[in-house]
Amino acid sequence: MRKTNQSPGEKIVKDIKRATRKQYSSEEKIRIVLDGLRGEDSIAELCRREGISQGVYYKWSKDFMEAGKRRLAGDTARAATTDEVKDLRREARDLKEVVAEQTLELRLLKKSMIDGGGDQE
């Protein structure tokens, strides 16, 4: 009879593998899919060399083809990536800070003109 619960050691190893798993950028995924489409090496060899499973390769390939099909059909709308959203939020925050600083400076200048009574001779 096999025990279904993992031992604490097995759980730690699994968590470490998950945390240290390589994250592939979209550019890397495209390069790998295009290498597979070139057919210079077998998909199995390509996957071994890149350290991915064949299932992952075929999922990326399907996603790549679907995205190309949508683009060619004229569907140019796409969801922003998490990194793009973070960059846009950071940029918006920075711009708001600049506007706040400029507004404060303008108020201080106006106040100094009013309190100073204009030209001093």
N, C-alpha and C. Protein backbone atom coordinates (compact mmCIF):
# COMPACT_ATOMS: atom_id res chain seq x y z
N MET A 1 0.84 -1.16 0.00
CA MET A 1 0.00 0.00 0.00
C MET A 1 0.90 1.24 0.00
N ARG A 2 0.62 2.17 -0.91
CA ARG A 2 1.45 3.36 -1.08
C ARG A 2 0.87 4.52 -0.30
N LYS A 3 1.74 5.24 0.36
CA LYS A 3 1.34 6.40 1.12
C LYS A 3 1.15 7.59 0.17
N THR A 4 0.01 8.26 0.25
CA THR A 4 -0.28 9.35 -0.68
C THR A 4 0.28 10.68 -0.21
N ASN A 5 0.48 10.87 1.08
CA ASN A 5 1.03 12.12 1.60
C ASN A 5 2.54 12.13 1.43
N GLN A 6 3.09 13.29 1.10
CA GLN A 6 4.53 13.41 0.95
C GLN A 6 5.18 13.58 2.31
N SER A 7 6.39 13.06 2.41
CA SER A 7 7.15 13.28 3.64
C SER A 7 7.62 14.72 3.64
N PRO A 8 7.98 15.24 4.81
CA PRO A 8 8.47 16.63 4.86
C PRO A 8 9.68 16.86 3.93
N GLY A 9 10.55 15.87 3.84
CA GLY A 9 11.72 15.99 2.96
C GLY A 9 11.33 16.08 1.50
N GLU A 10 10.36 15.25 1.08
CA GLU A 10 9.89 15.29 -0.32
C GLU A 10 9.24 16.63 -0.63
N LYS A 11 8.48 17.16 0.33
CA LYS A 11 7.82 18.45 0.12
C LYS A 11 8.87 19.56 -0.02
N ILE A 12 9.91 19.54 0.77
CA ILE A 12 10.97 20.55 0.70
C ILE A 12 11.65 20.49 -0.66
N VAL A 13 11.98 19.27 -1.12
CA VAL A 13 12.64 19.12 -2.41
C VAL A 13 11.73 19.64 -3.53
N LYS A 14 10.45 19.31 -3.47
CA LYS A 14 9.50 19.76 -4.49
C LYS A 14 9.39 21.28 -4.49
N ASP A 15 9.33 21.89 -3.29
CA ASP A 15 9.25 23.34 -3.19
C ASP A 15 10.51 24.01 -3.73
N ILE A 16 11.67 23.42 -3.47
CA ILE A 16 12.93 23.98 -3.99
C ILE A 16 12.95 23.89 -5.50
N LYS A 17 12.54 22.75 -6.06
CA LYS A 17 12.50 22.60 -7.52
C LYS A 17 11.57 23.63 -8.13
N ARG A 18 10.42 23.84 -7.51
CA ARG A 18 9.45 24.80 -8.03
C ARG A 18 10.02 26.22 -7.97
N ALA A 19 10.68 26.56 -6.87
CA ALA A 19 11.22 27.91 -6.69
C ALA A 19 12.41 28.18 -7.61
N THR A 20 13.15 27.15 -7.96
CA THR A 20 14.35 27.35 -8.78
C THR A 20 14.12 27.01 -10.25
N ARG A 21 12.87 26.73 -10.60
CA ARG A 21 12.54 26.41 -11.99
C ARG A 21 12.83 27.62 -12.86
N LYS A 22 13.44 27.36 -14.03
CA LYS A 22 13.81 28.44 -14.93
C LYS A 22 12.55 29.07 -15.52
N GLN A 23 12.52 30.39 -15.55
CA GLN A 23 11.44 31.13 -16.17
C GLN A 23 11.92 31.58 -17.54
N TYR A 24 11.17 31.26 -18.56
CA TYR A 24 11.55 31.60 -19.93
C TYR A 24 10.85 32.88 -20.36
N SER A 25 11.61 33.80 -20.94
CA SER A 25 11.00 35.03 -21.47
C SER A 25 10.26 34.68 -22.75
N SER A 26 9.42 35.60 -23.19
CA SER A 26 8.68 35.35 -24.43
C SER A 26 9.65 35.22 -25.60
N GLU A 27 10.75 35.99 -25.57
CA GLU A 27 11.74 35.90 -26.65
C GLU A 27 12.40 34.52 -26.69
N GLU A 28 12.70 33.97 -25.51
CA GLU A 28 13.29 32.63 -25.45
C GLU A 28 12.30 31.58 -25.95
N LYS A 29 11.04 31.71 -25.58
CA LYS A 29 10.03 30.76 -26.04
C LYS A 29 9.90 30.80 -27.56
N ILE A 30 9.88 32.02 -28.12
CA ILE A 30 9.78 32.16 -29.58
C ILE A 30 10.98 31.52 -30.26
N ARG A 31 12.18 31.78 -29.72
CA ARG A 31 13.39 31.21 -30.30
C ARG A 31 13.33 29.68 -30.30
N ILE A 32 12.89 29.11 -29.18
CA ILE A 32 12.81 27.65 -29.07
C ILE A 32 11.78 27.09 -30.04
N VAL A 33 10.62 27.73 -30.14
CA VAL A 33 9.58 27.26 -31.07
C VAL A 33 10.08 27.35 -32.51
N LEU A 34 10.73 28.46 -32.86
CA LEU A 34 11.26 28.60 -34.22
C LEU A 34 12.34 27.57 -34.52
N ASP A 35 13.18 27.26 -33.51
CA ASP A 35 14.18 26.20 -33.69
C ASP A 35 13.48 24.88 -34.00
N GLY A 36 12.38 24.61 -33.31
CA GLY A 36 11.64 23.38 -33.55
C GLY A 36 11.02 23.37 -34.94
N LEU A 37 10.52 24.51 -35.38
CA LEU A 37 9.90 24.59 -36.70
C LEU A 37 10.93 24.44 -37.83
N ARG A 38 12.17 24.85 -37.56
CA ARG A 38 13.23 24.69 -38.58
C ARG A 38 13.49 23.22 -38.87
N GLY A 39 13.32 22.39 -37.86
CA GLY A 39 13.45 20.95 -38.06
C GLY A 39 14.88 20.45 -38.17
N GLU A 40 15.86 21.26 -37.76
CA GLU A 40 17.25 20.81 -37.83
C GLU A 40 17.53 19.68 -36.85
N ASP A 41 16.88 19.74 -35.69
CA ASP A 41 16.99 18.68 -34.69
C ASP A 41 15.58 18.17 -34.40
N SER A 42 15.51 16.97 -33.83
CA SER A 42 14.20 16.46 -33.45
C SER A 42 13.67 17.28 -32.28
N ILE A 43 12.37 17.25 -32.10
CA ILE A 43 11.77 17.99 -30.98
C ILE A 43 12.29 17.43 -29.67
N ALA A 44 12.46 16.13 -29.60
CA ALA A 44 12.98 15.50 -28.38
C ALA A 44 14.37 16.03 -28.06
N GLU A 45 15.24 16.13 -29.07
CA GLU A 45 16.59 16.63 -28.87
C GLU A 45 16.57 18.11 -28.47
N LEU A 46 15.76 18.90 -29.14
CA LEU A 46 15.62 20.31 -28.82
C LEU A 46 15.18 20.49 -27.36
N CYS A 47 14.18 19.73 -26.95
CA CYS A 47 13.66 19.83 -25.59
C CYS A 47 14.71 19.42 -24.56
N ARG A 48 15.46 18.36 -24.86
CA ARG A 48 16.55 17.95 -23.95
C ARG A 48 17.57 19.06 -23.82
N ARG A 49 17.96 19.64 -24.94
CA ARG A 49 18.97 20.69 -24.94
C ARG A 49 18.50 21.92 -24.17
N GLU A 50 17.22 22.26 -24.31
CA GLU A 50 16.67 23.46 -23.66
C GLU A 50 16.19 23.20 -22.24
N GLY A 51 16.10 21.94 -21.85
CA GLY A 51 15.68 21.60 -20.49
C GLY A 51 14.19 21.75 -20.26
N ILE A 52 13.40 21.47 -21.31
CA ILE A 52 11.94 21.55 -21.17
C ILE A 52 11.33 20.22 -21.60
N SER A 53 10.09 20.00 -21.20
CA SER A 53 9.41 18.79 -21.63
C SER A 53 8.81 19.02 -23.02
N GLN A 54 8.54 17.93 -23.72
CA GLN A 54 7.92 18.06 -25.03
C GLN A 54 6.53 18.67 -24.92
N GLY A 55 5.83 18.37 -23.83
CA GLY A 55 4.50 18.96 -23.62
C GLY A 55 4.57 20.47 -23.54
N VAL A 56 5.60 20.99 -22.85
CA VAL A 56 5.78 22.43 -22.74
C VAL A 56 6.07 23.01 -24.12
N TYR A 57 6.96 22.34 -24.89
CA TYR A 57 7.28 22.81 -26.24
C TYR A 57 6.01 22.90 -27.09
N TYR A 58 5.19 21.86 -27.08
CA TYR A 58 4.00 21.84 -27.93
C TYR A 58 2.97 22.88 -27.47
N LYS A 59 2.90 23.16 -26.16
CA LYS A 59 2.01 24.21 -25.68
C LYS A 59 2.49 25.57 -26.19
N TRP A 60 3.80 25.83 -26.08
CA TRP A 60 4.34 27.09 -26.59
C TRP A 60 4.12 27.21 -28.09
N SER A 61 4.30 26.10 -28.80
CA SER A 61 4.12 26.10 -30.25
C SER A 61 2.67 26.43 -30.60
N LYS A 62 1.74 25.84 -29.89
CA LYS A 62 0.31 26.10 -30.13
C LYS A 62 -0.01 27.56 -29.84
N ASP A 63 0.48 28.08 -28.70
CA ASP A 63 0.25 29.48 -28.34
C ASP A 63 0.82 30.41 -29.41
N PHE A 64 2.01 30.08 -29.90
CA PHE A 64 2.69 30.87 -30.92
C PHE A 64 1.85 30.91 -32.20
N MET A 65 1.37 29.75 -32.63
CA MET A 65 0.57 29.67 -33.85
C MET A 65 -0.76 30.40 -33.70
N GLU A 66 -1.40 30.25 -32.54
CA GLU A 66 -2.68 30.92 -32.30
C GLU A 66 -2.51 32.44 -32.31
N ALA A 67 -1.42 32.92 -31.68
CA ALA A 67 -1.17 34.36 -31.65
C ALA A 67 -0.92 34.88 -33.06
N GLY A 68 -0.17 34.13 -33.86
CA GLY A 68 0.08 34.52 -35.24
C GLY A 68 -1.20 34.54 -36.05
N LYS A 69 -2.04 33.55 -35.84
CA LYS A 69 -3.31 33.48 -36.57
C LYS A 69 -4.19 34.67 -36.23
N ARG A 70 -4.28 35.01 -34.94
CA ARG A 70 -5.08 36.17 -34.52
C ARG A 70 -4.52 37.45 -35.12
N ARG A 71 -3.21 37.58 -35.11
CA ARG A 71 -2.58 38.79 -35.63
C ARG A 71 -2.85 38.94 -37.13
N LEU A 72 -2.71 37.84 -37.86
CA LEU A 72 -2.95 37.89 -39.30
C LEU A 72 -4.41 38.14 -39.63
N ALA A 73 -5.29 37.75 -38.71
CA ALA A 73 -6.72 37.97 -38.92
C ALA A 73 -7.12 39.40 -38.56
N GLY A 74 -6.18 40.18 -38.06
CA GLY A 74 -6.45 41.57 -37.76
C GLY A 74 -6.78 41.86 -36.32
N ASP A 75 -6.69 40.88 -35.46
CA ASP A 75 -6.96 41.09 -34.03
C ASP A 75 -5.69 41.61 -33.38
N THR A 76 -5.58 42.93 -33.30
CA THR A 76 -4.35 43.50 -32.76
C THR A 76 -4.45 43.77 -31.26
N ALA A 77 -5.64 43.63 -30.68
CA ALA A 77 -5.79 43.83 -29.24
C ALA A 77 -5.16 42.65 -28.52
N ARG A 78 -4.47 42.97 -27.44
CA ARG A 78 -3.88 41.90 -26.63
C ARG A 78 -3.84 42.33 -25.18
N ALA A 79 -3.71 41.38 -24.32
CA ALA A 79 -3.63 41.69 -22.89
C ALA A 79 -2.22 42.13 -22.56
N ALA A 80 -2.11 43.12 -21.70
CA ALA A 80 -0.79 43.58 -21.27
C ALA A 80 -0.18 42.54 -20.34
N THR A 81 1.12 42.39 -20.43
CA THR A 81 1.80 41.45 -19.53
C THR A 81 1.93 42.10 -18.16
N THR A 82 2.21 41.29 -17.18
CA THR A 82 2.38 41.78 -15.82
C THR A 82 3.50 42.81 -15.76
N ASP A 83 4.61 42.56 -16.45
CA ASP A 83 5.72 43.50 -16.44
C ASP A 83 5.33 44.82 -17.08
N GLU A 84 4.56 44.76 -18.16
CA GLU A 84 4.12 45.99 -18.81
C GLU A 84 3.22 46.80 -17.88
N VAL A 85 2.32 46.12 -17.18
CA VAL A 85 1.42 46.79 -16.25
C VAL A 85 2.23 47.44 -15.13
N LYS A 86 3.22 46.71 -14.59
CA LYS A 86 4.05 47.26 -13.52
C LYS A 86 4.81 48.49 -14.01
N ASP A 87 5.37 48.41 -15.23
CA ASP A 87 6.10 49.55 -15.79
C ASP A 87 5.18 50.76 -15.98
N LEU A 88 3.98 50.53 -16.50
CA LEU A 88 3.03 51.63 -16.70
C LEU A 88 2.60 52.25 -15.37
N ARG A 89 2.39 51.42 -14.37
CA ARG A 89 2.01 51.95 -13.05
C ARG A 89 3.14 52.78 -12.45
N ARG A 90 4.37 52.28 -12.60
CA ARG A 90 5.54 53.00 -12.10
C ARG A 90 5.67 54.36 -12.81
N GLU A 91 5.49 54.35 -14.13
CA GLU A 91 5.57 55.59 -14.89
C GLU A 91 4.47 56.56 -14.48
N ALA A 92 3.25 56.07 -14.29
CA ALA A 92 2.14 56.93 -13.86
C ALA A 92 2.43 57.53 -12.49
N ARG A 93 2.96 56.73 -11.57
CA ARG A 93 3.30 57.22 -10.23
C ARG A 93 4.36 58.31 -10.31
N ASP A 94 5.40 58.08 -11.14
CA ASP A 94 6.45 59.08 -11.30
C ASP A 94 5.90 60.38 -11.88
N LEU A 95 5.02 60.27 -12.87
CA LEU A 95 4.43 61.46 -13.47
C LEU A 95 3.55 62.22 -12.47
N LYS A 96 2.81 61.48 -11.64
CA LYS A 96 1.99 62.13 -10.62
C LYS A 96 2.85 62.88 -9.63
N GLU A 97 4.01 62.30 -9.28
CA GLU A 97 4.93 62.98 -8.36
C GLU A 97 5.45 64.28 -8.97
N VAL A 98 5.78 64.25 -10.25
CA VAL A 98 6.26 65.46 -10.93
C VAL A 98 5.16 66.53 -10.93
N VAL A 99 3.93 66.14 -11.25
CA VAL A 99 2.82 67.09 -11.25
C VAL A 99 2.62 67.66 -9.85
N ALA A 100 2.70 66.84 -8.82
CA ALA A 100 2.53 67.31 -7.45
C ALA A 100 3.62 68.31 -7.08
N GLU A 101 4.86 68.02 -7.46
CA GLU A 101 5.97 68.94 -7.17
C GLU A 101 5.77 70.27 -7.89
N GLN A 102 5.38 70.21 -9.16
CA GLN A 102 5.16 71.43 -9.94
C GLN A 102 4.02 72.25 -9.34
N THR A 103 2.95 71.60 -8.92
CA THR A 103 1.81 72.28 -8.33
C THR A 103 2.23 72.97 -7.04
N LEU A 104 3.00 72.28 -6.21
CA LEU A 104 3.48 72.86 -4.96
C LEU A 104 4.36 74.07 -5.22
N GLU A 105 5.27 73.97 -6.17
CA GLU A 105 6.13 75.09 -6.52
C GLU A 105 5.31 76.28 -7.01
N LEU A 106 4.32 76.03 -7.83
CA LEU A 106 3.46 77.09 -8.35
C LEU A 106 2.71 77.79 -7.21
N ARG A 107 2.17 77.02 -6.30
CA ARG A 107 1.45 77.59 -5.15
C ARG A 107 2.38 78.44 -4.30
N LEU A 108 3.59 77.94 -4.06
CA LEU A 108 4.55 78.70 -3.26
C LEU A 108 4.92 80.01 -3.95
N LEU A 109 5.10 79.98 -5.25
CA LEU A 109 5.42 81.20 -6.00
C LEU A 109 4.28 82.20 -5.92
N LYS A 110 3.04 81.71 -6.12
CA LYS A 110 1.88 82.59 -6.04
C LYS A 110 1.77 83.21 -4.64
N LYS A 111 1.98 82.38 -3.63
CA LYS A 111 1.87 82.86 -2.25
C LYS A 111 2.94 83.90 -1.96
N SER A 112 4.15 83.67 -2.43
CA SER A 112 5.22 84.64 -2.18
C SER A 112 4.94 85.96 -2.90
N MET A 113 4.30 85.90 -4.06
CA MET A 113 3.96 87.13 -4.79
C MET A 113 2.86 87.90 -4.06
N ILE A 114 1.88 87.18 -3.52
CA ILE A 114 0.77 87.82 -2.81
C ILE A 114 1.25 88.38 -1.47
N ASP A 115 2.00 87.58 -0.72
CA ASP A 115 2.47 87.99 0.61
C ASP A 115 3.55 89.06 0.49
N GLY A 116 4.32 89.04 -0.56
CA GLY A 116 5.39 90.01 -0.75
C GLY A 116 4.90 91.35 -1.22
N GLY A 117 3.70 91.43 -1.72
CA GLY A 117 3.15 92.69 -2.15
C GLY A 117 3.70 93.18 -3.47
N GLY A 118 4.24 92.28 -4.25
CA GLY A 118 4.73 92.71 -5.57
C GLY A 118 6.15 93.21 -5.48
N ASP A 119 6.47 94.29 -6.23
CA ASP A 119 7.83 94.83 -6.29
C ASP A 119 8.20 95.50 -4.98
N GLN A 120 9.40 95.29 -4.55
CA GLN A 120 9.90 95.93 -3.36
C GLN A 120 10.97 96.93 -3.77
N GLU A 121 10.81 98.22 -3.40
CA GLU A 121 11.80 99.23 -3.77
C GLU A 121 12.43 99.81 -2.57
